[in-house]
Amino acid sequence: MSATSQSGHVLVGVDGCRAGWIALILRPGETRPQVRTYERFADLVGESGPSAMIAVDMPIGLPDRITGPGRGPEQAIRPYLGARQSSVFSIPARAAVEAETYREACELALKCSDPPRKVSKQAFHLFGKIREIDRLLQDDKGLRDRLIESHPEFAFCRLNNMVSMTTPKKIRGAVNPEGIAERIELLSLHGIERDMFAGGPPRGAAMDDLVDASVNLLMAGRHAAGLTQPFPSGPMRDRYGILIAIHG
């Protein structure tokens, strides 16, 4: 697999899915990644091994206050995505993400943002998974050096010479075959074989989840090879010292 197989690391690309998490795991010496689902992110980290480089499509690093439309990483990548900007959800401040109800999350988000803004339902549905990763990073400082936030649409843009994809992956909540095909074609140019998608995703995941985990695998490989950069440049850290950046 192009750059990914050059690394001595175990490489892991991850996306959230109905079953919990879908992961593509590529071990040194292998050319085809293993595809698995996990209910808990901690199990994925444990099975990947202590030196695995992991790229996940989930916000990492939660500021105490938000200025503008979302965290710095979200604001940094939107200008590159054109019509795909809607795929970048605005994540609120830490207090809102840690809230137990949507109403409480909106109230806290209003207090911790400038200008004041509530939480979208799409973002709120991610909060459980965000907290799952956040707690692991609070407890394991070593994990912070090898777990990066990746955004699939921005990752595709980076692999496509900073040109965003022309078609959406989903239309009105349904997977768009044309958008999936466009992304699989680009993935194949970067070393992920097309036939890996022929059998479809594993139970508990959708085809767009499989495609997103695949591009995140490439980002893990690029990061291990020193080929990514953080967005925004010179990113901040949250109160726990966790980096607030999307790598691409």
Protein backbone atom coordinates (compact mmCIF):
# COMPACT_ATOMS: atom_id res chain seq x y z
CA MET A 1 0.00 0.00 0.00
CA SER A 2 1.95 3.02 -1.25
CA ALA A 3 3.39 5.08 1.63
CA THR A 4 1.63 3.15 4.36
CA SER A 5 3.63 -0.06 3.83
CA GLN A 6 6.90 1.88 4.12
CA SER A 7 6.37 2.46 7.85
CA GLY A 8 7.49 0.15 10.64
CA HIS A 9 4.36 1.05 12.57
CA VAL A 10 1.09 -0.78 12.79
CA LEU A 11 -1.21 1.65 10.96
CA VAL A 12 -4.87 2.05 11.85
CA GLY A 13 -7.62 4.06 10.15
CA VAL A 14 -10.81 4.45 12.16
CA ASP A 15 -14.32 5.81 11.70
CA GLY A 16 -17.34 5.74 13.96
CA CYS A 17 -20.15 3.45 12.85
CA ARG A 18 -23.41 1.90 14.05
CA ALA A 19 -21.55 -0.96 15.75
CA GLY A 20 -19.21 1.45 17.49
CA TRP A 21 -16.00 1.78 15.48
CA ILE A 22 -14.76 0.39 12.17
CA ALA A 23 -11.00 0.01 11.86
CA LEU A 24 -8.62 -0.89 9.07
CA ILE A 25 -5.42 -2.30 10.57
CA LEU A 26 -2.27 -2.71 8.49
CA ARG A 27 0.66 -4.48 10.14
CA PRO A 28 4.29 -4.25 8.99
CA GLY A 29 5.00 -6.60 6.12
CA GLU A 30 1.35 -6.88 5.12
CA THR A 31 -0.13 -5.38 1.98
CA ARG A 32 -3.84 -5.71 2.77
CA PRO A 33 -5.42 -4.27 5.90
CA GLN A 34 -7.63 -6.24 8.25
CA VAL A 35 -11.14 -4.79 8.58
CA ARG A 36 -12.84 -5.06 11.97
CA THR A 37 -15.51 -3.43 14.07
CA TYR A 38 -15.18 -2.72 17.79
CA GLU A 39 -17.76 -1.75 20.35
CA ARG A 40 -15.19 0.11 22.46
CA PHE A 41 -12.35 2.33 21.27
CA ALA A 42 -10.16 1.07 24.12
CA ASP A 43 -10.35 -2.47 22.71
CA LEU A 44 -9.28 -1.19 19.29
CA VAL A 45 -6.28 0.60 20.84
CA GLY A 46 -5.34 -2.47 22.88
CA GLU A 47 -5.46 -4.89 19.95
CA SER A 48 -3.55 -2.54 17.65
CA GLY A 49 -0.53 -2.65 19.95
CA PRO A 50 1.55 -0.11 21.88
CA SER A 51 3.26 1.45 18.85
CA ALA A 52 0.32 1.69 16.45
CA MET A 53 -0.26 4.97 14.62
CA ILE A 54 -4.00 5.64 14.63
CA ALA A 55 -5.99 8.21 12.64
CA VAL A 56 -9.63 8.62 13.61
CA ASP A 57 -12.52 10.67 12.29
CA MET A 58 -13.54 12.09 15.64
CA PRO A 59 -12.80 15.42 17.33
CA ILE A 60 -9.77 15.31 19.64
CA GLY A 61 -8.99 18.15 22.05
CA LEU A 62 -11.77 20.22 23.61
CA PRO A 63 -11.23 23.92 24.36
CA ASP A 64 -12.98 25.55 27.31
CA ARG A 65 -14.33 28.32 25.08
CA ILE A 66 -15.17 28.58 21.38
CA THR A 67 -14.64 31.74 19.33
CA GLY A 68 -16.28 31.53 15.93
CA PRO A 69 -17.95 28.56 14.20
CA GLY A 70 -16.41 25.61 16.02
CA ARG A 71 -12.95 24.67 17.19
CA GLY A 72 -9.86 25.98 15.43
CA PRO A 73 -9.40 22.79 13.33
CA GLU A 74 -12.93 23.00 11.93
CA GLN A 75 -12.49 26.63 11.00
CA ALA A 76 -9.09 25.89 9.44
CA ILE A 77 -10.19 23.16 7.02
CA ARG A 78 -13.58 24.46 5.85
CA PRO A 79 -12.18 26.91 3.26
CA TYR A 80 -10.56 24.01 1.39
CA LEU A 81 -13.70 21.91 1.05
CA GLY A 82 -16.04 23.96 -1.13
CA ALA A 83 -19.38 22.19 -1.39
CA ARG A 84 -18.22 19.58 1.13
CA GLN A 85 -18.00 22.11 3.99
CA SER A 86 -21.25 20.82 5.49
CA SER A 87 -19.41 17.62 6.46
CA VAL A 88 -17.47 19.61 9.09
CA PHE A 89 -19.60 19.83 12.22
CA SER A 90 -18.95 22.62 14.74
CA ILE A 91 -17.95 21.03 18.04
CA PRO A 92 -18.67 23.16 21.14
CA ALA A 93 -16.63 23.75 24.29
CA ARG A 94 -15.70 20.94 26.66
CA ALA A 95 -18.47 21.68 29.16
CA ALA A 96 -21.12 21.21 26.46
CA VAL A 97 -19.56 17.97 25.19
CA GLU A 98 -19.57 16.61 28.73
CA ALA A 99 -23.30 17.42 29.20
CA GLU A 100 -25.72 14.51 29.51
CA THR A 101 -28.72 15.97 27.67
CA TYR A 102 -29.16 17.95 24.47
CA ARG A 103 -30.85 20.79 26.36
CA GLU A 104 -28.00 21.06 28.86
CA ALA A 105 -25.44 20.88 26.05
CA CYS A 106 -27.11 23.79 24.24
CA GLU A 107 -27.28 25.88 27.41
CA LEU A 108 -23.60 25.34 28.15
CA ALA A 109 -22.58 25.87 24.53
CA LEU A 110 -24.33 29.26 24.55
CA LYS A 111 -22.41 30.29 27.66
CA CYS A 112 -19.06 29.13 26.33
CA SER A 113 -19.11 30.50 22.79
CA ASP A 114 -18.62 33.87 21.09
CA PRO A 115 -20.86 34.54 19.31
CA PRO A 116 -23.27 32.42 21.40
CA ARG A 117 -24.44 29.33 19.53
CA LYS A 118 -26.25 26.14 20.39
CA VAL A 119 -25.30 22.59 19.40
CA SER A 120 -26.45 20.85 16.22
CA LYS A 121 -28.16 17.49 16.67
CA GLN A 122 -25.53 15.91 14.37
CA ALA A 123 -22.73 17.11 16.64
CA PHE A 124 -24.57 16.08 19.82
CA HIS A 125 -24.86 12.50 18.56
CA LEU A 126 -21.04 12.36 18.41
CA PHE A 127 -20.51 13.39 22.02
CA GLY A 128 -20.45 9.86 23.45
CA LYS A 129 -17.69 8.81 21.07
CA ILE A 130 -15.78 12.06 21.62
CA ARG A 131 -15.84 11.49 25.38
CA GLU A 132 -14.72 7.88 24.91
CA ILE A 133 -11.53 8.98 23.16
CA ASP A 134 -11.04 12.00 25.41
CA ARG A 135 -10.99 9.87 28.55
CA LEU A 136 -8.40 7.53 27.07
CA LEU A 137 -6.17 10.48 26.18
CA GLN A 138 -6.54 12.00 29.63
CA ASP A 139 -5.42 8.71 31.21
CA ASP A 140 -2.69 7.75 28.73
CA LYS A 141 -0.34 10.58 27.77
CA GLY A 142 1.69 8.23 25.59
CA LEU A 143 -1.31 7.63 23.37
CA ARG A 144 -1.40 11.33 22.47
CA ASP A 145 1.72 10.98 20.32
CA ARG A 146 0.20 8.28 18.11
CA LEU A 147 -3.52 9.05 17.92
CA ILE A 148 -4.42 11.85 15.53
CA GLU A 149 -7.66 13.45 14.45
CA SER A 150 -8.35 13.14 10.74
CA HIS A 151 -11.31 14.42 8.76
CA PRO A 152 -12.10 12.15 5.79
CA GLU A 153 -13.31 14.84 3.38
CA PHE A 154 -10.25 16.95 4.11
CA ALA A 155 -8.05 13.84 3.82
CA PHE A 156 -9.50 13.14 0.36
CA CYS A 157 -8.87 16.78 -0.53
CA ARG A 158 -5.23 16.49 0.55
CA LEU A 159 -4.75 13.31 -1.47
CA ASN A 160 -6.38 14.99 -4.47
CA ASN A 161 -3.90 17.86 -4.70
CA MET A 162 -6.04 20.07 -2.44
CA VAL A 163 -9.12 19.70 -4.65
CA SER A 164 -12.26 18.61 -2.80
CA MET A 165 -14.42 15.74 -4.00
CA THR A 166 -17.05 16.72 -6.55
CA THR A 167 -19.84 14.45 -5.28
CA PRO A 168 -21.23 13.84 -1.78
CA LYS A 169 -20.93 10.47 -0.04
CA LYS A 170 -24.54 10.75 1.08
CA ILE A 171 -27.67 12.39 -0.25
CA ARG A 172 -30.52 12.91 2.21
CA GLY A 173 -29.04 10.36 4.57
CA ALA A 174 -28.58 7.61 1.95
CA VAL A 175 -25.22 6.46 0.61
CA ASN A 176 -24.56 7.96 -2.83
CA PRO A 177 -22.96 5.32 -5.14
CA GLU A 178 -21.39 7.99 -7.34
CA GLY A 179 -19.71 9.66 -4.38
CA ILE A 180 -18.45 6.34 -3.05
CA ALA A 181 -17.06 5.40 -6.47
CA GLU A 182 -15.23 8.73 -6.77
CA ARG A 183 -13.52 8.16 -3.44
CA ILE A 184 -12.66 4.50 -4.10
CA GLU A 185 -10.99 5.57 -7.34
CA LEU A 186 -8.80 8.04 -5.44
CA LEU A 187 -8.03 5.48 -2.73
CA SER A 188 -6.94 3.01 -5.41
CA LEU A 189 -4.48 5.57 -6.78
CA HIS A 190 -2.89 5.68 -3.33
CA GLY A 191 -2.55 1.94 -2.91
CA ILE A 192 -5.82 0.64 -1.44
CA GLU A 193 -7.10 -2.05 -3.78
CA ARG A 194 -10.60 -1.62 -5.19
CA ASP A 195 -11.57 -5.22 -4.47
CA MET A 196 -11.37 -4.50 -0.76
CA PHE A 197 -14.73 -2.74 -1.14
CA ALA A 198 -16.35 -5.40 -3.32
CA GLY A 199 -17.82 -7.36 -0.40
CA GLY A 200 -19.13 -4.25 1.29
CA PRO A 201 -18.59 -3.23 4.91
CA PRO A 202 -18.78 -5.56 7.91
CA ARG A 203 -22.00 -5.85 9.88
CA GLY A 204 -22.71 -2.72 11.88
CA ALA A 205 -20.97 -0.39 9.42
CA ALA A 206 -21.98 1.33 6.18
CA MET A 207 -20.04 1.70 2.95
CA ASP A 208 -19.22 5.34 3.68
CA ASP A 209 -17.79 4.26 7.06
CA LEU A 210 -15.52 1.77 5.30
CA VAL A 211 -14.38 4.40 2.80
CA ASP A 212 -13.70 6.95 5.56
CA ALA A 213 -11.73 4.44 7.64
CA SER A 214 -9.71 3.66 4.50
CA VAL A 215 -8.65 7.24 3.87
CA ASN A 216 -7.84 7.58 7.56
CA LEU A 217 -5.53 4.56 7.20
CA LEU A 218 -3.66 6.48 4.52
CA MET A 219 -3.48 9.49 6.84
CA ALA A 220 -2.03 7.31 9.59
CA GLY A 221 0.65 6.17 7.16
CA ARG A 222 1.37 9.71 6.02
CA HIS A 223 1.63 10.89 9.61
CA ALA A 224 4.01 8.07 10.53
CA ALA A 225 6.16 9.12 7.57
CA GLY A 226 6.14 12.79 8.63
CA LEU A 227 4.05 13.88 5.65
CA THR A 228 1.11 15.49 7.43
CA GLN A 229 0.74 18.91 9.00
CA PRO A 230 -1.65 20.22 11.66
CA PHE A 231 -4.58 22.47 10.85
CA PRO A 232 -4.51 25.13 12.12
CA SER A 233 -0.75 25.58 12.10
CA GLY A 234 0.60 26.16 15.59
CA PRO A 235 -2.44 24.52 17.21
CA MET A 236 -3.45 25.05 20.83
CA ARG A 237 -3.84 22.40 23.53
CA ASP A 238 -6.80 21.95 25.83
CA ARG A 239 -6.74 22.05 29.64
CA TYR A 240 -5.39 18.47 29.74
CA GLY A 241 -2.59 19.19 27.28
CA ILE A 242 -4.32 17.38 24.39
CA LEU A 243 -3.55 18.85 20.97
CA ILE A 244 -6.49 20.49 19.18
CA ALA A 245 -5.72 19.85 15.52
CA ILE A 246 -6.81 18.00 12.41
CA HIS A 247 -3.87 16.40 10.64
CA GLY A 248 -3.79 16.18 6.88
